Amino acid sequence: MSKKNGIDAFSRRSFLRSAAAVGAAAWAGGASAQDALLEIINAPRRGAWDDQFDAKASRSAATVASNTPIFSMETIGNTQQAIADYQQIVSAGGWPMVNTGLKLEMGVSDPSVQALRQRLMITGDLAQSAGMSNAFDSYVDGAVKRFQARHGLPADGVLGEFSMKALNIPADIRLNQLNTNLVRLQSMSGDLGRRYVVVNIPGAQIEAIENGRVVQRHTAVVGRLSRPTHIINSKIYEVILNPYWTAPRSIVEKDIVPLMRKNPAYLTDNAIRLLDGSGNEVAPETIDWNAEKAPNLTFRQDPGKINAMASTKINFHNPNNEYMHDTPSQGLFNKLARFESSGCVRVQNVRDLTVWLLKETPGWSRTQIEATIRAGQNNPINLAEEVPVYFKYISAWSTIPRVVQFRDDIYEMDGAQELALQTTTGIEPVVGSVE
């Protein structure tokens, strides 16, 4: 087989075999393998980039989000269909590896784009009518964005390091991942409640469900591998507006004491007070910060904008001292990998979730909640009715027919090294993390 730029050129046999996999997997709405073959072979084979430009295809990928809860009979049914589809893909030989030294993006022309097109056709991200060529055109751009969205990656249409890693995980490993997660989904097929919250740990995502439909979705930051967020069924019983933050002993020893040695005003600058066992305040200047051991005192941060939990803390029953909360570091939600905490869960747009949690607790409209936060006074609120919350581990699922979602196996629970956390580059520990 000849090579060009380090990429294996496709033989007619390999192309036909993989194209048949497209039809076998029924991504084209039930077409036969032969129909799929003919459609691809007879499609316009224009190789010029500007001949295959469609602004609509380039701008937007197919929608991959829905208001179907991750724990629902629809999701179980769609995931079972995905398993059947992927079994046929595996039986037909899987999909080709996409190997190139180039950054593939719109406008590039390279033989490796043929492998990319074939790969995207097999999983239904690219229409078979797009044909085969070396051109990364607007149709490929839209297909890559759809693929990225299904894998929890930024849908920018550029095949960078993490998109390539996800693209080249073999089909049989993805099939096993689906089978593993189907069991997890089926274990949650009972009545979860009229109103409940789901924290999907690998997805770093939170759903608020009411009457069988998702009414809110929130981006989250969850625990890192060394300090994982625990899998648990519980109930949310309290929302605290303008919470105090008490620094864990580990942060006192590893972060705060060294910072006090460098800057004696650190505690004052960050509104952190020292309290003894009787609740009396202790002046920082009376402490020997160079002593071998950190002082046996409580380090408590006042409510306010610089508080490590910002405006809100959401408490649920658990033995791990974990909770959900706001954060002054909103930029964390824009990170590709949001697995940085020590177990607790940061919630983007937490005030929307707070309004929903308190909507059946008299006296707590959004107006009242916002006014209380502005006042800056610590205010614990017990929910009139506790809301079930489920912290679960789902790394593969399908809420829309033939739109399959995959996430990195961040806690290495799915049984394949290839599925482990891929997006670790650039993650740094957050000094003073509240969890």
Protein backbone atom coordinates (compact mmCIF):
# COMPACT_ATOMS: atom_id res chain seq x y z
CA MET A 1 0.00 0.00 0.00
CA SER A 2 1.47 3.37 -0.97
CA LYS A 3 2.08 6.14 1.53
CA LYS A 4 1.92 9.91 1.23
CA ASN A 5 2.92 12.29 4.05
CA GLY A 6 3.04 9.30 6.38
CA ILE A 7 -0.64 8.42 5.72
CA ASP A 8 -1.68 5.07 4.29
CA ALA A 9 -3.68 5.54 1.13
CA PHE A 10 -6.91 3.59 1.20
CA SER A 11 -7.25 0.57 -1.02
CA ARG A 12 -10.62 0.05 -2.65
CA ARG A 13 -11.09 -3.05 -0.51
CA SER A 14 -10.55 -1.23 2.80
CA PHE A 15 -12.80 1.60 1.71
CA LEU A 16 -15.65 -0.66 0.68
CA ARG A 17 -15.40 -2.70 3.85
CA SER A 18 -15.64 0.33 6.09
CA ALA A 19 -18.30 1.96 3.97
CA ALA A 20 -20.33 -1.19 4.37
CA ALA A 21 -20.03 -0.71 8.10
CA VAL A 22 -21.89 2.56 7.71
CA GLY A 23 -24.85 0.83 6.16
CA ALA A 24 -24.66 -2.07 8.59
CA ALA A 25 -24.82 0.30 11.51
CA ALA A 26 -28.00 1.81 10.03
CA TRP A 27 -26.91 5.38 10.69
CA ALA A 28 -28.69 6.44 7.48
CA GLY A 29 -32.11 5.53 8.80
CA GLY A 30 -32.14 1.86 7.93
CA ALA A 31 -30.45 1.87 4.54
CA SER A 32 -28.77 -1.36 3.54
CA ALA A 33 -25.00 -1.71 3.31
CA GLN A 34 -25.26 -1.80 -0.50
CA ASP A 35 -27.37 1.38 -0.56
CA ALA A 36 -24.81 3.09 1.66
CA LEU A 37 -22.02 1.97 -0.68
CA LEU A 38 -23.77 3.26 -3.77
CA GLU A 39 -24.61 6.55 -2.16
CA ILE A 40 -21.00 7.20 -1.19
CA ILE A 41 -19.53 5.99 -4.47
CA ASN A 42 -21.99 8.00 -6.58
CA ALA A 43 -21.70 11.16 -4.48
CA PRO A 44 -20.03 14.20 -6.09
CA ARG A 45 -16.30 13.57 -5.67
CA ARG A 46 -15.25 17.19 -5.92
CA GLY A 47 -11.85 17.61 -4.37
CA ALA A 48 -11.67 21.38 -4.41
CA TRP A 49 -12.34 23.00 -1.06
CA ASP A 50 -14.46 25.84 -2.45
CA ASP A 51 -16.65 23.40 -4.38
CA GLN A 52 -18.03 21.91 -1.18
CA PHE A 53 -18.81 24.92 0.96
CA ASP A 54 -22.08 25.32 2.75
CA ALA A 55 -22.23 28.06 5.38
CA LYS A 56 -25.02 26.39 7.34
CA ALA A 57 -23.12 23.09 7.57
CA SER A 58 -19.99 24.91 8.68
CA ARG A 59 -21.62 27.12 11.29
CA SER A 60 -23.50 24.56 13.27
CA ALA A 61 -23.35 20.90 14.12
CA ALA A 62 -26.45 18.80 14.72
CA THR A 63 -27.94 19.31 18.14
CA VAL A 64 -26.66 16.75 20.61
CA ALA A 65 -28.37 18.04 23.76
CA SER A 66 -31.93 17.35 24.81
CA ASN A 67 -34.24 17.76 27.78
CA THR A 68 -34.36 13.99 28.27
CA PRO A 69 -32.89 13.08 31.69
CA ILE A 70 -29.79 10.91 31.66
CA PHE A 71 -31.72 8.52 33.93
CA SER A 72 -34.84 7.66 31.94
CA MET A 73 -36.32 4.82 29.95
CA GLU A 74 -35.68 6.84 26.77
CA THR A 75 -31.97 6.98 27.57
CA ILE A 76 -31.85 3.27 28.31
CA GLY A 77 -33.61 2.49 25.01
CA ASN A 78 -31.38 4.82 23.00
CA THR A 79 -28.27 3.40 24.65
CA GLN A 80 -29.39 -0.13 23.83
CA GLN A 81 -29.83 0.97 20.21
CA ALA A 82 -26.33 2.48 20.29
CA ILE A 83 -24.96 -0.83 21.53
CA ALA A 84 -26.63 -2.68 18.65
CA ASP A 85 -25.22 -0.14 16.18
CA TYR A 86 -21.71 -0.35 17.61
CA GLN A 87 -21.85 -4.16 17.60
CA GLN A 88 -22.44 -3.99 13.86
CA ILE A 89 -19.65 -1.44 13.43
CA VAL A 90 -17.25 -3.72 15.30
CA SER A 91 -18.37 -6.75 13.27
CA ALA A 92 -17.69 -4.81 10.05
CA GLY A 93 -14.13 -4.03 11.13
CA GLY A 94 -14.52 -0.86 13.17
CA TRP A 95 -13.26 2.46 11.86
CA PRO A 96 -9.91 3.66 10.49
CA MET A 97 -7.33 5.47 12.57
CA VAL A 98 -6.80 9.09 11.59
CA ASN A 99 -3.07 9.79 11.62
CA THR A 100 -1.48 13.01 10.48
CA GLY A 101 1.20 15.44 11.49
CA LEU A 102 -1.08 18.29 10.46
CA LYS A 103 -3.68 20.13 12.51
CA LEU A 104 -6.80 19.27 10.56
CA GLU A 105 -9.23 22.13 10.19
CA MET A 106 -11.39 23.76 7.54
CA GLY A 107 -9.43 24.61 4.40
CA VAL A 108 -6.80 21.88 4.79
CA SER A 109 -6.33 19.42 1.95
CA ASP A 110 -4.50 16.23 2.88
CA PRO A 111 -4.87 12.48 2.21
CA SER A 112 -5.60 11.92 5.92
CA VAL A 113 -8.91 13.76 5.45
CA GLN A 114 -10.19 10.70 3.55
CA ALA A 115 -9.67 8.60 6.68
CA LEU A 116 -11.37 11.32 8.72
CA ARG A 117 -14.36 11.38 6.37
CA GLN A 118 -14.68 7.60 6.53
CA ARG A 119 -14.39 7.66 10.33
CA LEU A 120 -17.10 10.31 10.67
CA MET A 121 -19.43 8.57 8.21
CA ILE A 122 -19.29 5.32 10.15
CA THR A 123 -20.56 6.99 13.34
CA GLY A 124 -23.15 9.11 11.54
CA ASP A 125 -21.45 12.45 12.10
CA LEU A 126 -20.89 13.03 8.37
CA ALA A 127 -23.53 12.39 5.72
CA GLN A 128 -22.59 9.70 3.23
CA SER A 129 -23.52 12.09 0.42
CA ALA A 130 -20.48 14.24 1.33
CA GLY A 131 -18.37 11.78 -0.66
CA MET A 132 -14.64 11.09 -0.39
CA SER A 133 -11.91 13.64 -1.03
CA ASN A 134 -8.82 15.15 0.56
CA ALA A 135 -10.67 18.39 1.34
CA PHE A 136 -11.57 19.42 4.89
CA ASP A 137 -14.62 21.34 3.70
CA SER A 138 -17.61 22.83 5.50
CA TYR A 139 -19.36 19.46 5.65
CA VAL A 140 -16.40 17.88 7.41
CA ASP A 141 -16.20 20.95 9.66
CA GLY A 142 -19.82 20.49 10.73
CA ALA A 143 -19.29 16.75 11.25
CA VAL A 144 -16.21 17.33 13.41
CA LYS A 145 -18.17 19.85 15.52
CA ARG A 146 -20.93 17.29 16.00
CA PHE A 147 -18.36 14.67 16.99
CA GLN A 148 -16.72 17.07 19.44
CA ALA A 149 -20.05 18.00 21.03
CA ARG A 150 -20.85 14.30 21.53
CA HIS A 151 -17.55 13.86 23.37
CA GLY A 152 -17.80 16.90 25.63
CA LEU A 153 -15.10 18.77 23.71
CA PRO A 154 -15.17 22.38 22.48
CA ALA A 155 -17.04 22.26 19.17
CA ASP A 156 -14.55 24.40 17.24
CA GLY A 157 -14.10 22.14 14.22
CA VAL A 158 -10.34 21.84 14.80
CA LEU A 159 -8.88 18.39 15.35
CA GLY A 160 -6.38 19.09 18.08
CA GLU A 161 -4.76 16.66 20.49
CA PHE A 162 -7.79 15.74 22.57
CA SER A 163 -10.20 15.47 19.64
CA MET A 164 -7.73 13.15 17.89
CA LYS A 165 -7.43 10.98 20.98
CA ALA A 166 -11.20 10.63 21.19
CA LEU A 167 -11.46 9.99 17.44
CA ASN A 168 -8.93 7.15 17.53
CA ILE A 169 -10.31 5.11 20.43
CA PRO A 170 -11.16 1.75 18.80
CA ALA A 171 -14.79 0.81 18.18
CA ASP A 172 -14.64 -2.33 20.35
CA ILE A 173 -13.51 -0.28 23.36
CA ARG A 174 -16.35 2.19 22.82
CA LEU A 175 -18.76 -0.77 22.60
CA ASN A 176 -17.51 -2.11 25.94
CA GLN A 177 -17.87 1.36 27.45
CA LEU A 178 -21.50 1.50 26.33
CA ASN A 179 -22.20 -1.96 27.79
CA THR A 180 -20.62 -0.98 31.11
CA ASN A 181 -22.65 2.19 31.36
CA LEU A 182 -25.91 0.56 30.32
CA VAL A 183 -25.76 -1.45 33.55
CA ARG A 184 -25.31 1.79 35.50
CA LEU A 185 -28.24 3.39 33.70
CA GLN A 186 -30.48 0.39 34.32
CA SER A 187 -29.67 0.49 38.04
CA MET A 188 -31.34 3.92 38.15
CA SER A 189 -34.51 2.98 36.27
CA GLY A 190 -36.85 3.31 39.27
CA ASP A 191 -38.83 6.31 40.54
CA LEU A 192 -36.26 8.98 41.35
CA GLY A 193 -38.75 11.59 42.49
CA ARG A 194 -40.96 14.38 41.17
CA ARG A 195 -38.10 16.86 41.47
CA TYR A 196 -34.49 15.74 41.73
CA VAL A 197 -30.89 16.64 40.87
CA VAL A 198 -28.32 14.47 39.07
CA VAL A 199 -24.58 15.15 39.19
CA ASN A 200 -22.89 13.19 36.40
CA ILE A 201 -19.27 13.07 37.53
CA PRO A 202 -17.46 12.17 34.25
CA GLY A 203 -19.64 14.66 32.38
CA ALA A 204 -18.90 17.38 34.97
CA GLN A 205 -22.54 18.29 34.54
CA ILE A 206 -25.62 18.78 36.71
CA GLU A 207 -29.24 18.23 35.72
CA ALA A 208 -32.29 19.53 37.58
CA ILE A 209 -35.26 17.34 36.65
CA GLU A 210 -38.92 18.08 37.21
CA ASN A 211 -41.84 15.93 36.08
CA GLY A 212 -39.61 13.75 33.94
CA ARG A 213 -37.83 16.50 32.00
CA VAL A 214 -34.58 18.40 32.43
CA VAL A 215 -35.44 21.99 33.33
CA GLN A 216 -31.86 23.15 34.01
CA ARG A 217 -28.36 22.00 33.11
CA HIS A 218 -25.25 23.33 34.79
CA THR A 219 -21.58 22.97 34.04
CA ALA A 220 -19.70 21.68 37.09
CA VAL A 221 -16.21 21.22 38.49
CA VAL A 222 -15.83 17.86 40.27
CA GLY A 223 -13.15 15.99 42.19
CA ARG A 224 -9.81 15.01 40.72
CA LEU A 225 -8.69 11.37 40.52
CA SER A 226 -6.71 11.61 43.78
CA ARG A 227 -9.65 13.23 45.63
CA PRO A 228 -12.76 11.98 43.84
CA THR A 229 -16.31 13.14 44.28
CA HIS A 230 -18.14 10.28 45.98
CA ILE A 231 -20.93 8.35 44.27
CA ILE A 232 -23.96 8.66 46.52
CA ASN A 233 -27.76 8.88 46.72
CA SER A 234 -28.82 11.65 49.09
CA LYS A 235 -31.16 14.59 49.62
CA ILE A 236 -30.53 18.32 49.52
CA TYR A 237 -31.82 19.79 52.77
CA GLU A 238 -30.30 23.28 52.97
CA VAL A 239 -29.14 26.25 50.94
CA ILE A 240 -26.88 28.76 52.63
CA LEU A 241 -26.71 32.23 51.13
CA ASN A 242 -23.50 34.14 51.89
CA PRO A 243 -21.87 31.13 53.55
CA TYR A 244 -18.88 31.14 55.84
CA TRP A 245 -15.98 29.01 54.66
CA THR A 246 -13.96 27.00 57.15
CA ALA A 247 -10.56 26.03 55.80
CA PRO A 248 -9.79 22.30 56.01
CA ARG A 249 -6.77 21.39 58.10
CA SER A 250 -4.87 20.27 55.00
CA ILE A 251 -5.23 23.70 53.39
CA VAL A 252 -4.27 25.43 56.63
CA GLU A 253 -1.05 23.42 56.80
CA LYS A 254 -0.11 23.32 53.13
CA ASP A 255 -1.29 26.71 51.92
CA ILE A 256 -2.30 29.25 54.56
CA VAL A 257 0.58 28.90 57.03
CA PRO A 258 3.28 29.19 54.31
CA LEU A 259 1.44 32.21 52.89
CA MET A 260 1.33 33.84 56.33
CA ARG A 261 5.10 33.42 56.61
CA LYS A 262 5.51 35.35 53.38
CA ASN A 263 2.73 37.89 53.94
CA PRO A 264 1.55 38.51 57.53
CA ALA A 265 -1.47 40.40 56.16
CA TYR A 266 -2.76 37.40 54.16
CA LEU A 267 -5.56 36.48 56.59
CA THR A 268 -6.76 40.06 56.92
CA ASP A 269 -6.61 40.65 53.16
CA ASN A 270 -8.75 37.54 52.59
CA ALA A 271 -11.24 38.17 55.42
CA ILE A 272 -10.19 35.00 57.27
CA ARG A 273 -10.60 35.06 61.04
CA LEU A 274 -8.98 32.82 63.64
CA LEU A 275 -11.34 31.32 66.24
CA ASP A 276 -10.49 29.29 69.32
CA GLY A 277 -12.49 26.35 70.66
CA SER A 278 -14.92 28.72 72.41
CA GLY A 279 -15.56 30.79 69.29
CA ASN A 280 -13.44 33.71 70.45
CA GLU A 281 -11.46 35.57 67.81
CA VAL A 282 -7.66 35.33 68.01
CA ALA A 283 -5.42 38.04 66.55
CA PRO A 284 -3.10 36.68 63.81
CA GLU A 285 -0.14 38.69 65.14
CA THR A 286 -0.24 36.69 68.39
CA ILE A 287 0.57 33.45 66.51
CA ASP A 288 4.08 32.14 65.84
CA TRP A 289 3.75 31.32 62.16
CA ASN A 290 7.22 29.80 62.06
CA ALA A 291 6.31 27.13 64.58
CA GLU A 292 6.65 23.50 63.50
CA LYS A 293 2.91 22.86 63.68
CA ALA A 294 0.03 25.00 62.45
CA PRO A 295 -2.03 26.59 65.23
CA ASN A 296 -4.93 24.50 66.53
CA LEU A 297 -7.50 27.10 65.59
CA THR A 298 -10.44 27.41 63.21
CA PHE A 299 -9.70 29.45 60.08
CA ARG A 300 -13.06 30.89 59.00
CA GLN A 301 -13.59 33.18 56.03
CA ASP A 302 -16.34 35.79 56.23
CA PRO A 303 -19.11 35.87 53.62
CA GLY A 304 -18.49 38.06 50.62
CA LYS A 305 -17.32 38.22 47.01
CA ILE A 306 -13.88 36.82 47.83
CA ASN A 307 -15.28 33.96 49.90
CA ALA A 308 -14.15 30.62 48.49
CA MET A 309 -17.80 29.57 48.09
CA ALA A 310 -18.89 33.02 46.89
CA SER A 311 -22.67 33.45 47.20
CA THR A 312 -24.00 29.97 47.85
CA LYS A 313 -23.49 26.61 49.53
CA ILE A 314 -25.87 23.68 48.91
CA ASN A 315 -25.85 21.02 51.61
CA PHE A 316 -26.92 17.40 51.21
CA HIS A 317 -26.68 14.52 53.67
CA ASN A 318 -23.37 12.66 53.32
CA PRO A 319 -20.53 11.37 55.51
CA ASN A 320 -17.79 12.95 53.38
CA ASN A 321 -18.29 16.64 54.20
CA GLU A 322 -18.98 17.30 50.52
CA TYR A 323 -21.36 19.93 49.19
CA MET A 324 -22.17 21.94 46.06
CA HIS A 325 -21.27 25.60 45.90
CA ASP A 326 -20.62 28.79 43.98
CA THR A 327 -17.07 30.01 43.29
CA PRO A 328 -15.38 33.37 42.74
CA SER A 329 -13.20 31.65 40.11
CA GLN A 330 -15.76 31.53 37.30
CA GLY A 331 -13.05 30.92 34.72
CA LEU A 332 -12.80 27.32 35.95
CA PHE A 333 -16.02 26.50 34.08
CA ASN A 334 -14.37 27.38 30.77
CA LYS A 335 -11.67 24.75 31.18
CA LEU A 336 -11.64 21.69 28.98
CA ALA A 337 -11.03 19.40 31.97
CA ARG A 338 -13.06 20.32 35.03
CA PHE A 339 -11.77 17.69 37.43
CA GLU A 340 -9.88 19.81 39.94
CA SER A 341 -11.64 19.86 43.29
CA SER A 342 -11.06 17.74 46.36
CA GLY A 343 -14.53 16.20 46.26
CA CYS A 344 -17.01 19.07 46.46
CA VAL A 345 -18.75 20.32 43.33
CA ARG A 346 -18.66 23.86 41.98
CA VAL A 347 -21.82 24.85 40.07
CA GLN A 348 -21.94 27.36 37.23
CA ASN A 349 -24.96 29.71 37.35
CA VAL A 350 -25.66 28.39 40.82
CA ARG A 351 -28.28 31.07 41.53
CA ASP A 352 -30.58 29.55 38.90
CA LEU A 353 -30.29 26.20 40.65
CA THR A 354 -30.88 27.89 44.01
CA VAL A 355 -34.08 29.54 42.75
CA TRP A 356 -35.32 26.16 41.49
CA LEU A 357 -34.43 24.38 44.75
CA LEU A 358 -36.21 27.03 46.85
CA LYS A 359 -39.24 27.62 44.63
CA GLU A 360 -41.44 25.47 46.90
CA THR A 361 -40.02 27.02 50.07
CA PRO A 362 -42.26 30.00 50.99
CA GLY A 363 -40.67 33.44 51.04
CA TRP A 364 -37.76 32.69 48.74
CA SER A 365 -38.43 34.14 45.31
CA ARG A 366 -35.53 35.10 43.05
CA THR A 367 -35.99 38.73 44.13
CA GLN A 368 -35.63 37.79 47.80
CA ILE A 369 -32.66 35.52 47.12
CA GLU A 370 -30.82 38.26 45.20
CA ALA A 371 -31.59 40.86 47.87
CA THR A 372 -30.25 38.56 50.59
CA ILE A 373 -27.04 37.91 48.67
CA ARG A 374 -26.55 41.65 48.14
CA ALA A 375 -27.00 42.27 51.88
CA GLY A 376 -24.03 39.99 52.55
CA GLN A 377 -25.41 38.41 55.70
CA ASN A 378 -25.03 34.68 56.33
CA ASN A 379 -28.45 33.07 55.88
CA PRO A 380 -29.08 29.29 56.11
CA ILE A 381 -32.40 28.19 54.56
CA ASN A 382 -33.98 24.78 55.14
CA LEU A 383 -35.90 23.47 52.14
CA ALA A 384 -39.61 22.95 52.79
CA GLU A 385 -39.20 19.54 51.17
CA GLU A 386 -35.83 17.87 50.72
CA VAL A 387 -34.86 17.32 47.07
CA PRO A 388 -33.24 13.99 46.11
CA VAL A 389 -29.75 14.28 44.62
CA TYR A 390 -27.86 11.51 42.85
CA PHE A 391 -24.09 11.68 42.32
CA LYS A 392 -23.43 9.08 39.60
CA TYR A 393 -20.78 7.90 37.18
CA ILE A 394 -22.00 7.76 33.56
CA SER A 395 -19.36 8.06 30.83
CA ALA A 396 -21.40 6.81 27.83
CA TRP A 397 -25.09 7.26 27.05
CA SER A 398 -27.62 8.34 24.43
CA THR A 399 -30.61 10.58 25.14
CA ILE A 400 -31.34 11.21 21.43
CA PRO A 401 -31.71 8.33 18.96
CA ARG A 402 -28.32 7.58 17.37
CA VAL A 403 -26.59 10.52 19.06
CA VAL A 404 -24.15 8.80 21.41
CA GLN A 405 -22.34 10.73 24.12
CA PHE A 406 -18.92 9.69 25.44
CA ARG A 407 -16.77 11.18 28.21
CA ASP A 408 -13.32 10.42 29.58
CA ASP A 409 -13.22 7.72 32.25
CA ILE A 410 -11.80 10.17 34.80
CA TYR A 411 -11.79 7.75 37.75
CA GLU A 412 -10.66 4.76 35.66
CA MET A 413 -13.79 2.72 36.36
CA ASP A 414 -14.59 1.55 32.81
CA GLY A 415 -11.85 -1.05 32.45
CA ALA A 416 -9.76 0.32 29.57
CA GLN A 417 -6.70 2.54 29.82
CA GLU A 418 -7.59 4.20 26.51
CA LEU A 419 -10.71 5.67 28.14
CA ALA A 420 -8.88 7.28 31.07
CA LEU A 421 -8.65 11.03 31.47
CA GLN A 422 -7.12 12.42 28.28
CA THR A 423 -7.47 16.13 28.99
CA THR A 424 -4.92 16.58 31.77
CA THR A 425 -2.65 19.07 30.04
CA GLY A 426 -2.75 22.47 31.68
CA ILE A 427 -4.49 21.43 34.88
CA GLU A 428 -3.00 23.04 37.92
CA PRO A 429 -4.09 22.71 41.54
CA VAL A 430 -6.15 25.62 42.79
CA VAL A 431 -4.39 27.14 45.77
CA GLY A 432 -6.84 27.60 48.60
CA SER A 433 -9.42 25.29 47.03
CA VAL A 434 -12.40 25.07 49.32
CA GLU A 435 -12.83 21.34 49.06
